[in-house]
PDB file of N, CA and C in Angstrom:
ATOM      1  N   MET A   1       1.109  -1.252   0.366  1.00  0.00           N
ATOM      2  CA  MET A   1       0.276   0.112   0.176  1.00  0.00           C
ATOM      3  C   MET A   1       0.739   1.070   0.346  1.00  0.00           C
ATOM      4  N   ARG A   2       1.826   1.394   0.864  1.00  0.00           N
ATOM      5  CA  ARG A   2       2.497   2.499   0.961  1.00  0.00           C
ATOM      6  C   ARG A   2       3.352   2.328  -0.466  1.00  0.00           C
ATOM      7  N   SER A   3       4.003   2.151  -1.340  1.00  0.00           N
ATOM      8  CA  SER A   3       4.454   2.271  -1.909  1.00  0.00           C
ATOM      9  C   SER A   3       3.369   2.680  -3.530  1.00  0.00           C
ATOM     10  N   ARG A   4       1.933   2.510  -3.650  1.00  0.00           N
ATOM     11  CA  ARG A   4       1.510   2.703  -4.478  1.00  0.00           C
ATOM     12  C   ARG A   4       1.047   3.934  -3.913  1.00  0.00           C
ATOM     13  N   GLU A   5       1.021   4.744  -2.627  1.00  0.00           N
ATOM     14  CA  GLU A   5       1.016   5.830  -2.296  1.00  0.00           C
ATOM     15  C   GLU A   5       1.974   6.988  -3.098  1.00  0.00           C
ATOM     16  N   HIS A   6       3.216   6.488  -2.542  1.00  0.00           N
ATOM     17  CA  HIS A   6       4.614   6.477  -3.442  1.00  0.00           C
ATOM     18  C   HIS A   6       4.237   6.977  -4.381  1.00  0.00           C
ATOM     19  N   LEU A   7       4.156   6.144  -5.085  1.00  0.00           N
ATOM     20  CA  LEU A   7       3.747   6.524  -7.440  1.00  0.00           C
ATOM     21  C   LEU A   7       2.785   7.192  -7.524  1.00  0.00           C
ATOM     22  N   VAL A   8       1.392   7.134  -6.953  1.00  0.00           N
ATOM     23  CA  VAL A   8       0.757   8.580  -7.172  1.00  0.00           C
ATOM     24  C   VAL A   8       1.036   9.785  -6.310  1.00  0.00           C
ATOM     25  N   ALA A   9       1.884  10.270  -5.348  1.00  0.00           N
ATOM     26  CA  ALA A   9       1.786  11.259  -4.596  1.00  0.00           C
ATOM     27  C   ALA A   9       3.029  11.607  -5.395  1.00  0.00           C
ATOM     28  N   ASP A  10       4.225  11.586  -5.692  1.00  0.00           N
ATOM     29  CA  ASP A  10       6.030  10.904  -5.265  1.00  0.00           C
ATOM     30  C   ASP A  10       6.389  11.249  -7.827  1.00  0.00           C
ATOM     31  N   TYR A  11       5.625  10.469  -8.261  1.00  0.00           N
ATOM     32  CA  TYR A  11       6.423  10.637  -9.738  1.00  0.00           C
ATOM     33  C   TYR A  11       5.415  11.255 -10.598  1.00  0.00           C
ATOM     34  N   PRO A  12       4.417  11.298 -10.225  1.00  0.00           N
ATOM     35  CA  PRO A  12       3.375  11.652 -11.977  1.00  0.00           C
ATOM     36  C   PRO A  12       3.785  13.175 -11.637  1.00  0.00           C
ATOM     37  N   PRO A  13       3.880  14.352 -10.633  1.00  0.00           N
ATOM     38  CA  PRO A  13       4.615  15.490 -10.977  1.00  0.00           C
ATOM     39  C   PRO A  13       5.868  15.559 -11.498  1.00  0.00           C
ATOM     40  N   LEU A  14       6.785  14.627 -11.399  1.00  0.00           N
ATOM     41  CA  LEU A  14       8.256  14.376 -12.461  1.00  0.00           C
ATOM     42  C   LEU A  14       8.191  13.990 -13.803  1.00  0.00           C
ATOM     43  N   ALA A  15       6.538  13.199 -14.601  1.00  0.00           N
ATOM     44  CA  ALA A  15       7.175  12.875 -15.222  1.00  0.00           C
ATOM     45  C   ALA A  15       5.939  14.034 -15.880  1.00  0.00           C
ATOM     46  N   THR A  16       6.743  13.710 -17.481  1.00  0.00           N
ATOM     47  CA  THR A  16       5.628  14.769 -18.201  1.00  0.00           C
ATOM     48  C   THR A  16       4.645  13.436 -19.286  1.00  0.00           C
ATOM     49  N   ARG A  17       4.677  12.830 -19.682  1.00  0.00           N
ATOM     50  CA  ARG A  17       3.768  11.294 -19.640  1.00  0.00           C
ATOM     51  C   ARG A  17       4.325  10.511 -18.717  1.00  0.00           C
ATOM     52  N   TRP A  18       3.015   9.690 -18.838  1.00  0.00           N
ATOM     53  CA  TRP A  18       3.242   8.130 -17.756  1.00  0.00           C
ATOM     54  C   TRP A  18       2.235   6.795 -18.148  1.00  0.00           C
ATOM     55  N   VAL A  19       2.655   5.480 -17.804  1.00  0.00           N
ATOM     56  CA  VAL A  19       1.615   4.531 -18.235  1.00  0.00           C
ATOM     57  C   VAL A  19       1.829   3.745 -17.170  1.00  0.00           C
ATOM     58  N   ILE A  20       0.843   3.533 -16.412  1.00  0.00           N
ATOM     59  CA  ILE A  20       0.383   2.354 -15.376  1.00  0.00           C
ATOM     60  C   ILE A  20       0.051   1.095 -16.457  1.00  0.00           C
ATOM     61  N   TRP A  21       0.988  -0.072 -16.426  1.00  0.00           N
ATOM     62  CA  TRP A  21       0.822  -1.332 -16.548  1.00  0.00           C
ATOM     63  C   TRP A  21       0.598  -2.385 -16.118  1.00  0.00           C
ATOM     64  N   ASP A  22      -0.728  -3.385 -16.451  1.00  0.00           N
ATOM     65  CA  ASP A  22      -0.590  -4.641 -15.127  1.00  0.00           C
ATOM     66  C   ASP A  22       0.122  -5.656 -15.853  1.00  0.00           C
ATOM     67  N   ASN A  23       1.455  -6.647 -15.465  1.00  0.00           N
ATOM     68  CA  ASN A  23       1.680  -6.918 -15.869  1.00  0.00           C
ATOM     69  C   ASN A  23       2.001  -8.666 -15.184  1.00  0.00           C
ATOM     70  N   ALA A  24       0.751  -8.902 -14.945  1.00  0.00           N
ATOM     71  CA  ALA A  24       0.584  -9.955 -13.894  1.00  0.00           C
ATOM     72  C   ALA A  24       0.355 -10.982 -14.790  1.00  0.00           C
ATOM     73  N   ARG A  25      -0.105 -10.857 -16.437  1.00  0.00           N
ATOM     74  CA  ARG A  25      -0.373 -11.496 -17.357  1.00  0.00           C
ATOM     75  C   ARG A  25      -0.356 -11.266 -18.786  1.00  0.00           C
ATOM     76  N   ILE A  26       0.288 -12.378 -20.008  1.00  0.00           N
ATOM     77  CA  ILE A  26       1.404 -11.912 -20.927  1.00  0.00           C
ATOM     78  C   ILE A  26      -0.068 -11.596 -21.562  1.00  0.00           C
ATOM     79  N   PRO A  27      -0.639 -11.059 -22.567  1.00  0.00           N
ATOM     80  CA  PRO A  27       0.373  -9.668 -22.720  1.00  0.00           C
ATOM     81  C   PRO A  27      -0.144  -8.515 -21.865  1.00  0.00           C
ATOM     82  N   ALA A  28       0.432  -7.960 -21.426  1.00  0.00           N
ATOM     83  CA  ALA A  28       0.590  -6.332 -20.760  1.00  0.00           C
ATOM     84  C   ALA A  28      -0.979  -6.007 -20.739  1.00  0.00           C
ATOM     85  N   LYS A  29      -0.843  -5.575 -19.942  1.00  0.00           N
ATOM     86  CA  LYS A  29      -2.405  -4.587 -20.421  1.00  0.00           C
ATOM     87  C   LYS A  29      -2.373  -3.474 -19.837  1.00  0.00           C
ATOM     88  N   GLN A  30      -2.723  -1.922 -20.413  1.00  0.00           N
ATOM     89  CA  GLN A  30      -1.758  -1.252 -20.022  1.00  0.00           C
ATOM     90  C   GLN A  30      -3.704  -0.538 -19.090  1.00  0.00           C
ATOM     91  N   LEU A  31      -3.420   0.162 -17.949  1.00  0.00           N
ATOM     92  CA  LEU A  31      -4.677   0.691 -16.930  1.00  0.00           C
ATOM     93  C   LEU A  31      -4.754   1.892 -17.230  1.00  0.00           C
ATOM     94  N   ALA A  32      -4.227   2.969 -17.294  1.00  0.00           N
ATOM     95  CA  ALA A  32      -3.894   4.205 -17.628  1.00  0.00           C
ATOM     96  C   ALA A  32      -2.691   4.631 -17.905  1.00  0.00           C
ATOM     97  N   SER A  33      -2.915   5.675 -18.581  1.00  0.00           N
ATOM     98  CA  SER A  33      -2.003   6.790 -19.361  1.00  0.00           C
ATOM     99  C   SER A  33      -2.124   8.133 -18.782  1.00  0.00           C
ATOM    100  N   SER A  34      -1.049   9.440 -18.693  1.00  0.00           N
ATOM    101  CA  SER A  34      -1.355  10.571 -18.880  1.00  0.00           C
ATOM    102  C   SER A  34      -1.945  11.081 -19.873  1.00  0.00           C
ATOM    103  N   GLU A  35      -2.546  10.309 -20.824  1.00  0.00           N
ATOM    104  CA  GLU A  35      -3.304  11.176 -22.491  1.00  0.00           C
ATOM    105  C   GLU A  35      -4.616  10.887 -22.138  1.00  0.00           C
ATOM    106  N   SER A  36      -5.077   9.672 -21.560  1.00  0.00           N
ATOM    107  CA  SER A  36      -5.829   9.099 -21.825  1.00  0.00           C
ATOM    108  C   SER A  36      -6.914   8.927 -19.833  1.00  0.00           C
ATOM    109  N   SER A  37      -6.067   9.581 -18.993  1.00  0.00           N
ATOM    110  CA  SER A  37      -6.546   9.418 -17.503  1.00  0.00           C
ATOM    111  C   SER A  37      -5.614  10.195 -16.423  1.00  0.00           C
ATOM    112  N   ASP A  38      -6.343  11.221 -15.639  1.00  0.00           N
ATOM    113  CA  ASP A  38      -5.770  11.948 -14.810  1.00  0.00           C
ATOM    114  C   ASP A  38      -4.955  11.487 -13.184  1.00  0.00           C
ATOM    115  N   ILE A  39      -4.211  11.664 -12.383  1.00  0.00           N
ATOM    116  CA  ILE A  39      -4.060  10.697 -11.743  1.00  0.00           C
ATOM    117  C   ILE A  39      -5.227  10.379 -10.548  1.00  0.00           C
ATOM    118  N   ASN A  40      -5.534  11.437 -10.461  1.00  0.00           N
ATOM    119  CA  ASN A  40      -7.072  10.859  -9.495  1.00  0.00           C
ATOM    120  C   ASN A  40      -7.754   9.506 -10.166  1.00  0.00           C
ATOM    121  N   ALA A  41      -7.521   9.244 -11.282  1.00  0.00           N
ATOM    122  CA  ALA A  41      -8.746   8.149 -11.794  1.00  0.00           C
ATOM    123  C   ALA A  41      -7.679   6.834 -11.986  1.00  0.00           C
ATOM    124  N   VAL A  42      -6.324   7.319 -11.413  1.00  0.00           N
ATOM    125  CA  VAL A  42      -4.981   6.116 -11.119  1.00  0.00           C
ATOM    126  C   VAL A  42      -5.057   5.610  -9.489  1.00  0.00           C
ATOM    127  N   VAL A  43      -5.817   6.784  -8.966  1.00  0.00           N
ATOM    128  CA  VAL A  43      -5.659   6.674  -6.937  1.00  0.00           C
ATOM    129  C   VAL A  43      -6.353   5.257  -6.979  1.00  0.00           C
ATOM    130  N   GLU A  44      -7.451   5.743  -7.739  1.00  0.00           N
ATOM    131  CA  GLU A  44      -9.296   5.002  -7.315  1.00  0.00           C
ATOM    132  C   GLU A  44      -8.698   3.645  -8.751  1.00  0.00           C
ATOM    133  N   LEU A  45      -8.452   3.582  -9.329  1.00  0.00           N
ATOM    134  CA  LEU A  45      -7.615   2.168 -10.183  1.00  0.00           C
ATOM    135  C   LEU A  45      -6.984   1.410  -9.168  1.00  0.00           C
ATOM    136  N   LEU A  46      -6.093   2.180  -8.118  1.00  0.00           N
ATOM    137  CA  LEU A  46      -5.237   1.275  -7.296  1.00  0.00           C
ATOM    138  C   LEU A  46      -5.794   0.870  -5.849  1.00  0.00           C
ATOM    139  N   LYS A  47      -6.360   1.232  -5.636  1.00  0.00           N
ATOM    140  CA  LYS A  47      -7.564   0.953  -4.697  1.00  0.00           C
ATOM    141  C   LYS A  47      -7.468  -0.129  -4.653  1.00  0.00           C
TER     142      LYS A  47
END
């Protein structure tokens, strides 16, 4: 849980573009990106 909080609190402000992937299965599935989602959507997604 702490790593998720760190991910959404610290990294997006440092990046101009970002993508969140689920690589639990092949092929990996794109869950969100800066082009289609905002960080609040990512917070909800990772709950």
